[in-house]
Amino acid sequence: MSTVKIAVFVGSLRAASFNLQLARALEKLVPAHVKFDYVSLGDIPLFNQDIEDDMPAPAAKMKQQIVDAQAVLFVTPEHNRSIPAALKNAIDWGTRPWGKNVWAGKTGGLLGTSPSAAGTGMAQQHLRNVLAAEGVNLLTTPEVFMQWKEGQIDADGNITNDGTRKFLQGWVDNYIAWIERLAK
């Protein structure tokens, strides 16, 4: 089977991000032919239409990572009941300049974790709306609104709870099948 590359967007810039830990744990659950390509959001400048035709190198690199990938994966926290600013900024750059939207037609997945019992439900709903408007074909079920608990992912990126690992493995399996059905 040919390699499937997934551009991975972690909405948190924090080095010890719970969502980065979740993304690394998910990476251990994918089949060998699937490769994660992590997109750096911290060095992408704020979107400014005045400079979109002379796109900053970090934004251009991100756009190329999306182009080169068969799918996109968003693993994000919730900031103030919505999408983290760095993630929204990346989405904006990916749509510009007009007529050069790299999101359109991409197959996508979305999940996240937070210490809140509600997980990242509001951020995911907002992100679903934005990505739908940009033409991303998102996997809709099952949804993952995971409450972060200390120790559920160990220092090596292994999921320590059998029920959580089984649930996330099911999500990953559905996501990979979704990609293989729809990816360009």
N, C-alpha and C. Protein backbone atom coordinates (compact mmCIF):
# COMPACT_ATOMS: atom_id res chain seq x y z
N MET A 1 0.84 -1.18 0.00
CA MET A 1 0.00 0.00 0.00
C MET A 1 0.88 1.24 0.00
N SER A 2 0.48 2.28 -0.73
CA SER A 2 1.30 3.48 -0.81
C SER A 2 1.20 4.30 0.47
N THR A 3 2.21 5.14 0.67
CA THR A 3 2.27 5.96 1.87
C THR A 3 1.16 7.01 1.86
N VAL A 4 0.55 7.21 3.01
CA VAL A 4 -0.44 8.25 3.22
C VAL A 4 0.19 9.27 4.15
N LYS A 5 0.30 10.51 3.67
CA LYS A 5 0.87 11.57 4.49
C LYS A 5 -0.27 12.43 5.03
N ILE A 6 -0.21 12.70 6.34
CA ILE A 6 -1.20 13.52 7.01
C ILE A 6 -0.51 14.75 7.59
N ALA A 7 -0.96 15.94 7.17
CA ALA A 7 -0.47 17.18 7.76
C ALA A 7 -1.21 17.37 9.08
N VAL A 8 -0.46 17.43 10.17
CA VAL A 8 -1.03 17.48 11.52
C VAL A 8 -0.90 18.90 12.08
N PHE A 9 -2.05 19.44 12.50
CA PHE A 9 -2.13 20.77 13.08
C PHE A 9 -2.51 20.64 14.55
N VAL A 10 -1.56 20.97 15.42
CA VAL A 10 -1.82 20.97 16.86
C VAL A 10 -2.10 22.43 17.23
N GLY A 11 -3.29 22.70 17.73
CA GLY A 11 -3.73 24.07 17.98
C GLY A 11 -3.01 24.78 19.10
N SER A 12 -2.31 24.07 19.94
CA SER A 12 -1.60 24.66 21.07
C SER A 12 -0.13 24.86 20.71
N LEU A 13 0.42 26.00 21.09
CA LEU A 13 1.84 26.27 20.85
C LEU A 13 2.71 25.85 22.03
N ARG A 14 2.11 25.47 23.13
CA ARG A 14 2.81 25.13 24.36
C ARG A 14 3.67 23.87 24.18
N ALA A 15 4.90 23.90 24.64
CA ALA A 15 5.81 22.76 24.49
C ALA A 15 5.25 21.50 25.14
N ALA A 16 4.59 21.64 26.29
CA ALA A 16 4.03 20.48 27.00
C ALA A 16 2.54 20.32 26.70
N SER A 17 2.12 20.72 25.54
CA SER A 17 0.72 20.69 25.15
C SER A 17 0.10 19.31 25.31
N PHE A 18 -1.08 19.28 25.95
CA PHE A 18 -1.83 18.03 26.06
C PHE A 18 -2.21 17.52 24.67
N ASN A 19 -2.53 18.43 23.78
CA ASN A 19 -2.95 18.04 22.44
C ASN A 19 -1.79 17.53 21.60
N LEU A 20 -0.59 18.06 21.83
CA LEU A 20 0.57 17.50 21.16
C LEU A 20 0.83 16.08 21.68
N GLN A 21 0.67 15.88 22.97
CA GLN A 21 0.82 14.53 23.53
C GLN A 21 -0.21 13.58 22.94
N LEU A 22 -1.45 14.07 22.77
CA LEU A 22 -2.49 13.25 22.16
C LEU A 22 -2.14 12.94 20.71
N ALA A 23 -1.67 13.91 19.96
CA ALA A 23 -1.29 13.68 18.56
C ALA A 23 -0.17 12.64 18.47
N ARG A 24 0.82 12.74 19.33
CA ARG A 24 1.93 11.76 19.33
C ARG A 24 1.42 10.35 19.68
N ALA A 25 0.45 10.28 20.59
CA ALA A 25 -0.14 8.98 20.94
C ALA A 25 -0.94 8.42 19.77
N LEU A 26 -1.68 9.27 19.07
CA LEU A 26 -2.43 8.83 17.89
C LEU A 26 -1.49 8.31 16.81
N GLU A 27 -0.35 8.97 16.68
CA GLU A 27 0.63 8.57 15.67
C GLU A 27 1.08 7.12 15.88
N LYS A 28 1.10 6.68 17.13
CA LYS A 28 1.48 5.29 17.43
C LYS A 28 0.38 4.30 17.06
N LEU A 29 -0.84 4.81 16.81
CA LEU A 29 -1.97 3.93 16.50
C LEU A 29 -2.22 3.76 15.00
N VAL A 30 -1.55 4.56 14.18
CA VAL A 30 -1.79 4.47 12.74
C VAL A 30 -0.99 3.32 12.14
N PRO A 31 -1.46 2.77 11.01
CA PRO A 31 -0.70 1.72 10.33
C PRO A 31 0.64 2.24 9.81
N ALA A 32 1.54 1.33 9.52
CA ALA A 32 2.90 1.69 9.11
C ALA A 32 2.95 2.54 7.84
N HIS A 33 1.96 2.43 6.97
CA HIS A 33 2.00 3.20 5.71
C HIS A 33 1.51 4.63 5.87
N VAL A 34 1.13 5.02 7.09
CA VAL A 34 0.64 6.37 7.36
C VAL A 34 1.73 7.15 8.09
N LYS A 35 2.02 8.34 7.59
CA LYS A 35 3.07 9.19 8.18
C LYS A 35 2.48 10.53 8.57
N PHE A 36 2.81 10.99 9.79
CA PHE A 36 2.39 12.30 10.27
C PHE A 36 3.45 13.33 9.91
N ASP A 37 3.02 14.47 9.40
CA ASP A 37 3.88 15.61 9.09
C ASP A 37 3.36 16.79 9.92
N TYR A 38 4.04 17.07 11.03
CA TYR A 38 3.59 18.11 11.95
C TYR A 38 3.87 19.50 11.36
N VAL A 39 2.85 20.34 11.37
CA VAL A 39 2.93 21.70 10.84
C VAL A 39 3.22 22.64 12.00
N SER A 40 4.24 23.47 11.87
CA SER A 40 4.59 24.44 12.90
C SER A 40 3.73 25.69 12.73
N LEU A 41 2.98 26.03 13.78
CA LEU A 41 2.11 27.21 13.71
C LEU A 41 2.74 28.44 14.36
N GLY A 42 3.69 28.24 15.25
CA GLY A 42 4.23 29.33 16.05
C GLY A 42 5.04 30.36 15.29
N ASP A 43 5.55 29.99 14.14
CA ASP A 43 6.38 30.95 13.39
C ASP A 43 5.65 31.57 12.20
N ILE A 44 4.37 31.27 12.04
CA ILE A 44 3.59 31.87 10.96
C ILE A 44 3.10 33.23 11.42
N PRO A 45 3.45 34.31 10.71
CA PRO A 45 2.99 35.63 11.14
C PRO A 45 1.48 35.78 11.00
N LEU A 46 0.93 36.75 11.70
CA LEU A 46 -0.49 37.01 11.57
C LEU A 46 -0.83 37.33 10.12
N PHE A 47 -1.97 36.82 9.67
CA PHE A 47 -2.38 37.06 8.29
C PHE A 47 -2.57 38.55 8.06
N ASN A 48 -2.03 39.01 6.94
CA ASN A 48 -2.16 40.40 6.53
C ASN A 48 -2.27 40.39 5.01
N GLN A 49 -3.41 40.81 4.51
CA GLN A 49 -3.64 40.77 3.07
C GLN A 49 -2.61 41.60 2.29
N ASP A 50 -2.01 42.58 2.94
CA ASP A 50 -1.00 43.40 2.27
C ASP A 50 0.22 42.60 1.85
N ILE A 51 0.47 41.46 2.52
CA ILE A 51 1.67 40.67 2.19
C ILE A 51 1.34 39.29 1.62
N GLU A 52 0.09 39.04 1.28
CA GLU A 52 -0.26 37.70 0.83
C GLU A 52 0.38 37.34 -0.51
N ASP A 53 0.63 38.30 -1.37
CA ASP A 53 1.25 38.00 -2.67
C ASP A 53 2.75 37.76 -2.55
N ASP A 54 3.35 38.22 -1.47
CA ASP A 54 4.75 37.95 -1.16
C ASP A 54 4.75 37.18 0.16
N MET A 55 4.14 35.98 0.11
CA MET A 55 3.86 35.20 1.30
C MET A 55 5.11 34.91 2.13
N PRO A 56 5.03 35.14 3.44
CA PRO A 56 6.15 34.80 4.32
C PRO A 56 6.49 33.30 4.22
N ALA A 57 7.76 33.00 4.32
CA ALA A 57 8.23 31.61 4.15
C ALA A 57 7.51 30.61 5.05
N PRO A 58 7.26 30.90 6.35
CA PRO A 58 6.57 29.91 7.18
C PRO A 58 5.15 29.60 6.68
N ALA A 59 4.45 30.61 6.19
CA ALA A 59 3.10 30.39 5.66
C ALA A 59 3.17 29.59 4.36
N ALA A 60 4.13 29.92 3.51
CA ALA A 60 4.29 29.18 2.25
C ALA A 60 4.65 27.72 2.52
N LYS A 61 5.51 27.49 3.53
CA LYS A 61 5.89 26.11 3.88
C LYS A 61 4.67 25.34 4.36
N MET A 62 3.83 25.98 5.20
CA MET A 62 2.63 25.32 5.68
C MET A 62 1.72 24.95 4.52
N LYS A 63 1.53 25.87 3.59
CA LYS A 63 0.66 25.61 2.45
C LYS A 63 1.19 24.43 1.64
N GLN A 64 2.51 24.35 1.48
CA GLN A 64 3.09 23.24 0.73
C GLN A 64 2.90 21.92 1.47
N GLN A 65 2.98 21.94 2.79
CA GLN A 65 2.74 20.72 3.57
C GLN A 65 1.31 20.22 3.34
N ILE A 66 0.37 21.13 3.25
CA ILE A 66 -1.02 20.74 2.99
C ILE A 66 -1.15 20.16 1.59
N VAL A 67 -0.56 20.82 0.62
CA VAL A 67 -0.60 20.34 -0.77
C VAL A 67 0.00 18.94 -0.87
N ASP A 68 1.11 18.70 -0.17
CA ASP A 68 1.81 17.43 -0.25
C ASP A 68 1.13 16.29 0.51
N ALA A 69 0.17 16.63 1.36
CA ALA A 69 -0.50 15.63 2.19
C ALA A 69 -1.78 15.13 1.53
N GLN A 70 -2.13 13.90 1.84
CA GLN A 70 -3.41 13.35 1.39
C GLN A 70 -4.55 13.76 2.31
N ALA A 71 -4.20 14.17 3.53
CA ALA A 71 -5.23 14.51 4.51
C ALA A 71 -4.67 15.50 5.53
N VAL A 72 -5.58 16.08 6.30
CA VAL A 72 -5.20 16.98 7.38
C VAL A 72 -5.84 16.48 8.68
N LEU A 73 -5.13 16.69 9.78
CA LEU A 73 -5.62 16.29 11.09
C LEU A 73 -5.45 17.46 12.04
N PHE A 74 -6.53 17.81 12.74
CA PHE A 74 -6.52 18.89 13.71
C PHE A 74 -6.68 18.29 15.10
N VAL A 75 -5.70 18.55 15.96
CA VAL A 75 -5.74 18.10 17.35
C VAL A 75 -5.60 19.38 18.17
N THR A 76 -6.72 19.83 18.74
CA THR A 76 -6.70 21.20 19.25
C THR A 76 -7.36 21.36 20.60
N PRO A 77 -6.82 22.29 21.40
CA PRO A 77 -7.51 22.69 22.62
C PRO A 77 -8.63 23.66 22.27
N GLU A 78 -9.28 24.12 23.30
CA GLU A 78 -10.30 25.15 23.16
C GLU A 78 -9.81 26.38 23.89
N HIS A 79 -9.79 27.51 23.21
CA HIS A 79 -9.40 28.77 23.84
C HIS A 79 -10.61 29.69 23.88
N ASN A 80 -11.04 30.01 25.07
CA ASN A 80 -12.17 30.93 25.25
C ASN A 80 -13.38 30.49 24.43
N ARG A 81 -13.70 29.19 24.50
CA ARG A 81 -14.85 28.59 23.84
C ARG A 81 -14.78 28.64 22.32
N SER A 82 -13.55 28.68 21.77
CA SER A 82 -13.42 28.73 20.32
C SER A 82 -12.08 28.18 19.88
N ILE A 83 -11.74 28.47 18.64
CA ILE A 83 -10.52 28.00 17.99
C ILE A 83 -9.32 28.80 18.50
N PRO A 84 -8.21 28.15 18.82
CA PRO A 84 -7.01 28.90 19.16
C PRO A 84 -6.59 29.83 18.01
N ALA A 85 -6.10 31.00 18.37
CA ALA A 85 -5.74 32.02 17.37
C ALA A 85 -4.71 31.52 16.36
N ALA A 86 -3.71 30.78 16.82
CA ALA A 86 -2.67 30.30 15.90
C ALA A 86 -3.25 29.37 14.83
N LEU A 87 -4.22 28.57 15.23
CA LEU A 87 -4.84 27.64 14.28
C LEU A 87 -5.71 28.39 13.27
N LYS A 88 -6.50 29.34 13.74
CA LYS A 88 -7.33 30.14 12.83
C LYS A 88 -6.44 30.91 11.85
N ASN A 89 -5.34 31.44 12.33
CA ASN A 89 -4.40 32.16 11.48
C ASN A 89 -3.87 31.25 10.36
N ALA A 90 -3.52 30.02 10.71
CA ALA A 90 -3.03 29.07 9.70
C ALA A 90 -4.10 28.79 8.66
N ILE A 91 -5.32 28.64 9.10
CA ILE A 91 -6.42 28.39 8.17
C ILE A 91 -6.56 29.58 7.22
N ASP A 92 -6.49 30.78 7.76
CA ASP A 92 -6.60 31.97 6.92
C ASP A 92 -5.51 32.01 5.86
N TRP A 93 -4.27 31.78 6.25
CA TRP A 93 -3.17 31.77 5.28
C TRP A 93 -3.40 30.70 4.21
N GLY A 94 -3.95 29.56 4.61
CA GLY A 94 -4.17 28.47 3.66
C GLY A 94 -5.19 28.79 2.58
N THR A 95 -5.99 29.82 2.79
CA THR A 95 -7.02 30.19 1.81
C THR A 95 -6.56 31.30 0.87
N ARG A 96 -5.40 31.86 1.10
CA ARG A 96 -4.99 33.07 0.40
C ARG A 96 -3.76 32.83 -0.47
N PRO A 97 -3.49 33.63 -1.48
CA PRO A 97 -4.39 34.66 -1.99
C PRO A 97 -5.64 34.05 -2.62
N TRP A 98 -6.62 34.89 -2.89
CA TRP A 98 -7.89 34.43 -3.41
C TRP A 98 -7.65 33.50 -4.60
N GLY A 99 -8.39 32.38 -4.60
CA GLY A 99 -8.28 31.41 -5.68
C GLY A 99 -7.21 30.35 -5.45
N LYS A 100 -6.49 30.44 -4.34
CA LYS A 100 -5.41 29.49 -4.05
C LYS A 100 -5.62 28.81 -2.70
N ASN A 101 -6.85 28.39 -2.45
CA ASN A 101 -7.23 27.72 -1.21
C ASN A 101 -6.74 26.28 -1.24
N VAL A 102 -5.76 25.96 -0.39
CA VAL A 102 -5.20 24.60 -0.36
C VAL A 102 -6.02 23.63 0.48
N TRP A 103 -7.02 24.14 1.20
CA TRP A 103 -7.86 23.28 2.03
C TRP A 103 -8.92 22.54 1.21
N ALA A 104 -9.38 23.14 0.15
CA ALA A 104 -10.51 22.61 -0.63
C ALA A 104 -10.23 21.18 -1.10
N GLY A 105 -11.14 20.28 -0.78
CA GLY A 105 -11.03 18.90 -1.21
C GLY A 105 -10.19 18.01 -0.31
N LYS A 106 -9.53 18.57 0.69
CA LYS A 106 -8.73 17.74 1.60
C LYS A 106 -9.65 16.93 2.51
N THR A 107 -9.20 15.74 2.83
CA THR A 107 -9.90 14.88 3.78
C THR A 107 -9.36 15.21 5.17
N GLY A 108 -10.26 15.38 6.15
CA GLY A 108 -9.80 15.83 7.45
C GLY A 108 -10.37 15.07 8.62
N GLY A 109 -9.65 15.19 9.73
CA GLY A 109 -10.08 14.65 11.00
C GLY A 109 -9.89 15.72 12.06
N LEU A 110 -10.68 15.62 13.13
CA LEU A 110 -10.67 16.65 14.16
C LEU A 110 -10.95 16.02 15.52
N LEU A 111 -10.11 16.33 16.47
CA LEU A 111 -10.32 15.92 17.84
C LEU A 111 -9.49 16.79 18.77
N GLY A 112 -9.70 16.64 20.06
CA GLY A 112 -8.93 17.43 20.99
C GLY A 112 -9.17 17.00 22.42
N THR A 113 -8.34 17.53 23.30
CA THR A 113 -8.45 17.22 24.71
C THR A 113 -8.25 18.48 25.54
N SER A 114 -8.86 18.47 26.71
CA SER A 114 -8.81 19.60 27.62
C SER A 114 -9.08 19.08 29.03
N PRO A 115 -8.58 19.77 30.06
CA PRO A 115 -8.92 19.37 31.42
C PRO A 115 -10.42 19.53 31.72
N SER A 116 -11.11 20.30 30.94
CA SER A 116 -12.54 20.51 31.13
C SER A 116 -13.32 19.23 30.84
N ALA A 117 -14.38 19.00 31.59
CA ALA A 117 -15.23 17.83 31.34
C ALA A 117 -15.88 17.89 29.97
N ALA A 118 -16.06 19.09 29.44
CA ALA A 118 -16.66 19.25 28.10
C ALA A 118 -15.64 19.05 26.99
N GLY A 119 -14.39 18.79 27.37
CA GLY A 119 -13.37 18.59 26.35
C GLY A 119 -13.20 19.83 25.50
N THR A 120 -13.21 19.64 24.21
CA THR A 120 -13.01 20.76 23.28
C THR A 120 -14.19 20.90 22.32
N GLY A 121 -15.37 20.60 22.82
CA GLY A 121 -16.57 20.58 21.99
C GLY A 121 -16.87 21.87 21.27
N MET A 122 -16.77 23.01 21.95
CA MET A 122 -17.08 24.29 21.29
C MET A 122 -16.04 24.63 20.24
N ALA A 123 -14.77 24.43 20.54
CA ALA A 123 -13.73 24.70 19.55
C ALA A 123 -13.93 23.82 18.32
N GLN A 124 -14.26 22.56 18.55
CA GLN A 124 -14.47 21.66 17.42
C GLN A 124 -15.66 22.08 16.57
N GLN A 125 -16.74 22.53 17.22
CA GLN A 125 -17.90 22.98 16.44
C GLN A 125 -17.55 24.20 15.60
N HIS A 126 -16.84 25.15 16.18
CA HIS A 126 -16.43 26.32 15.42
C HIS A 126 -15.50 25.94 14.29
N LEU A 127 -14.56 25.05 14.59
CA LEU A 127 -13.60 24.62 13.57
C LEU A 127 -14.31 23.86 12.44
N ARG A 128 -15.28 23.03 12.78
CA ARG A 128 -16.05 22.33 11.74
C ARG A 128 -16.71 23.33 10.79
N ASN A 129 -17.29 24.40 11.35
CA ASN A 129 -17.94 25.41 10.52
C ASN A 129 -16.94 26.07 9.57
N VAL A 130 -15.78 26.45 10.10
CA VAL A 130 -14.76 27.12 9.29
C VAL A 130 -14.24 26.17 8.21
N LEU A 131 -13.92 24.95 8.59
CA LEU A 131 -13.35 24.00 7.61
C LEU A 131 -14.36 23.60 6.55
N ALA A 132 -15.63 23.49 6.92
CA ALA A 132 -16.66 23.18 5.93
C ALA A 132 -16.73 24.30 4.89
N ALA A 133 -16.64 25.54 5.34
CA ALA A 133 -16.68 26.68 4.42
C ALA A 133 -15.49 26.69 3.47
N GLU A 134 -14.39 26.07 3.89
CA GLU A 134 -13.19 26.03 3.04
C GLU A 134 -13.07 24.75 2.24
N GLY A 135 -14.05 23.85 2.35
CA GLY A 135 -14.09 22.67 1.50
C GLY A 135 -13.39 21.44 2.03
N VAL A 136 -13.09 21.39 3.33
CA VAL A 136 -12.47 20.20 3.91
C VAL A 136 -13.55 19.15 4.16
N ASN A 137 -13.30 17.93 3.74
CA ASN A 137 -14.22 16.81 3.93
C ASN A 137 -13.92 16.15 5.28
N LEU A 138 -14.56 16.64 6.34
CA LEU A 138 -14.26 16.16 7.69
C LEU A 138 -15.01 14.88 8.04
N LEU A 139 -14.30 13.98 8.68
CA LEU A 139 -14.92 12.82 9.31
C LEU A 139 -15.81 13.36 10.43
N THR A 140 -17.07 12.97 10.43
CA THR A 140 -17.99 13.55 11.42
C THR A 140 -18.23 12.68 12.64
N THR A 141 -18.08 11.37 12.50
CA THR A 141 -18.31 10.50 13.66
C THR A 141 -17.28 9.38 13.66
N PRO A 142 -16.88 8.91 14.80
CA PRO A 142 -17.29 9.39 16.11
C PRO A 142 -16.58 10.71 16.45
N GLU A 143 -17.20 11.52 17.28
CA GLU A 143 -16.57 12.73 17.76
C GLU A 143 -15.73 12.37 18.98
N VAL A 144 -14.65 13.13 19.19
CA VAL A 144 -13.78 12.89 20.34
C VAL A 144 -13.66 14.19 21.13
N PHE A 145 -14.34 14.25 22.26
CA PHE A 145 -14.24 15.36 23.20
C PHE A 145 -13.62 14.80 24.47
N MET A 146 -12.32 14.70 24.48
CA MET A 146 -11.62 13.95 25.52
C MET A 146 -11.21 14.85 26.69
N GLN A 147 -11.60 14.44 27.88
CA GLN A 147 -11.14 15.15 29.07
C GLN A 147 -9.74 14.67 29.40
N TRP A 148 -8.81 15.61 29.50
CA TRP A 148 -7.42 15.27 29.81
C TRP A 148 -7.29 14.90 31.29
N LYS A 149 -6.64 13.77 31.52
CA LYS A 149 -6.35 13.34 32.88
C LYS A 149 -4.87 13.01 32.95
N GLU A 150 -4.23 13.51 33.97
CA GLU A 150 -2.79 13.28 34.14
C GLU A 150 -2.50 11.79 34.13
N GLY A 151 -1.50 11.40 33.36
CA GLY A 151 -1.07 10.01 33.31
C GLY A 151 -1.78 9.14 32.29
N GLN A 152 -2.77 9.67 31.58
CA GLN A 152 -3.46 8.83 30.60
C GLN A 152 -2.61 8.56 29.36
N ILE A 153 -1.60 9.41 29.15
CA ILE A 153 -0.59 9.16 28.12
C ILE A 153 0.75 9.24 28.81
N ASP A 154 1.55 8.18 28.70
CA ASP A 154 2.82 8.17 29.43
C ASP A 154 3.90 8.96 28.68
N ALA A 155 5.07 9.03 29.27
CA ALA A 155 6.17 9.82 28.71
C ALA A 155 6.62 9.33 27.33
N ASP A 156 6.32 8.07 27.01
CA ASP A 156 6.69 7.52 25.70
C ASP A 156 5.56 7.65 24.68
N GLY A 157 4.47 8.31 25.06
CA GLY A 157 3.37 8.52 24.13
C GLY A 157 2.39 7.36 24.04
N ASN A 158 2.43 6.48 25.03
CA ASN A 158 1.50 5.36 25.05
C ASN A 158 0.25 5.71 25.85
N ILE A 159 -0.91 5.32 25.36
CA ILE A 159 -2.16 5.54 26.07
C ILE A 159 -2.26 4.46 27.15
N THR A 160 -2.41 4.88 28.39
CA THR A 160 -2.31 3.95 29.51
C THR A 160 -3.64 3.31 29.90
N ASN A 161 -4.76 3.89 29.50
CA ASN A 161 -6.07 3.35 29.83
C ASN A 161 -6.57 2.50 28.67
N ASP A 162 -6.90 1.23 28.94
CA ASP A 162 -7.33 0.32 27.87
C ASP A 162 -8.58 0.81 27.14
N GLY A 163 -9.56 1.32 27.87
CA GLY A 163 -10.79 1.80 27.25
C GLY A 163 -10.53 3.00 26.35
N THR A 164 -9.68 3.91 26.81
CA THR A 164 -9.34 5.09 26.00
C THR A 164 -8.57 4.67 24.76
N ARG A 165 -7.61 3.76 24.92
CA ARG A 165 -6.83 3.28 23.78
C ARG A 165 -7.73 2.60 22.75
N LYS A 166 -8.65 1.78 23.21
CA LYS A 166 -9.57 1.09 22.31
C LYS A 166 -10.45 2.09 21.56
N PHE A 167 -10.99 3.08 22.27
CA PHE A 167 -11.83 4.10 21.65
C PHE A 167 -11.04 4.88 20.61
N LEU A 168 -9.82 5.34 20.97
CA LEU A 168 -9.02 6.12 20.03
C LEU A 168 -8.54 5.27 18.86
N GLN A 169 -8.28 3.99 19.10
CA GLN A 169 -7.90 3.11 17.99
C GLN A 169 -9.06 2.99 17.00
N GLY A 170 -10.27 2.90 17.50
CA GLY A 170 -11.44 2.86 16.64
C GLY A 170 -11.58 4.14 15.83
N TRP A 171 -11.32 5.28 16.49
CA TRP A 171 -11.39 6.56 15.77
C TRP A 171 -10.33 6.61 14.68
N VAL A 172 -9.10 6.24 15.02
CA VAL A 172 -8.01 6.23 14.04
C VAL A 172 -8.34 5.32 12.87
N ASP A 173 -8.85 4.13 13.15
CA ASP A 173 -9.20 3.20 12.07
C ASP A 173 -10.26 3.80 11.15
N ASN A 174 -11.26 4.45 11.72
CA ASN A 174 -12.30 5.11 10.91
C ASN A 174 -11.70 6.24 10.09
N TYR A 175 -10.82 7.01 10.70
CA TYR A 175 -10.19 8.15 10.02
C TYR A 175 -9.34 7.68 8.84
N ILE A 176 -8.54 6.66 9.05
CA ILE A 176 -7.68 6.16 7.96
C ILE A 176 -8.55 5.59 6.83
N ALA A 177 -9.61 4.87 7.16
CA ALA A 177 -10.52 4.37 6.13
C ALA A 177 -11.17 5.53 5.37
N TRP A 178 -11.53 6.60 6.07
CA TRP A 178 -12.11 7.81 5.47
C TRP A 178 -11.13 8.43 4.48
N ILE A 179 -9.88 8.55 4.90
CA ILE A 179 -8.84 9.10 4.02
C ILE A 179 -8.70 8.25 2.77
N GLU A 180 -8.60 6.95 2.95
CA GLU A 180 -8.36 6.07 1.82
C GLU A 180 -9.54 6.03 0.86
N ARG A 181 -10.73 6.34 1.33
CA ARG A 181 -11.90 6.43 0.43
C ARG A 181 -11.93 7.75 -0.32
N LEU A 182 -11.54 8.86 0.35
CA LEU A 182 -11.78 10.19 -0.22
C LEU A 182 -10.57 10.98 -0.66
N ALA A 183 -9.40 10.66 -0.15
CA ALA A 183 -8.23 11.52 -0.41
C ALA A 183 -7.88 11.59 -1.88
N LYS A 184 -7.49 12.80 -2.27
CA LYS A 184 -7.03 13.04 -3.64
C LYS A 184 -5.61 12.58 -3.79
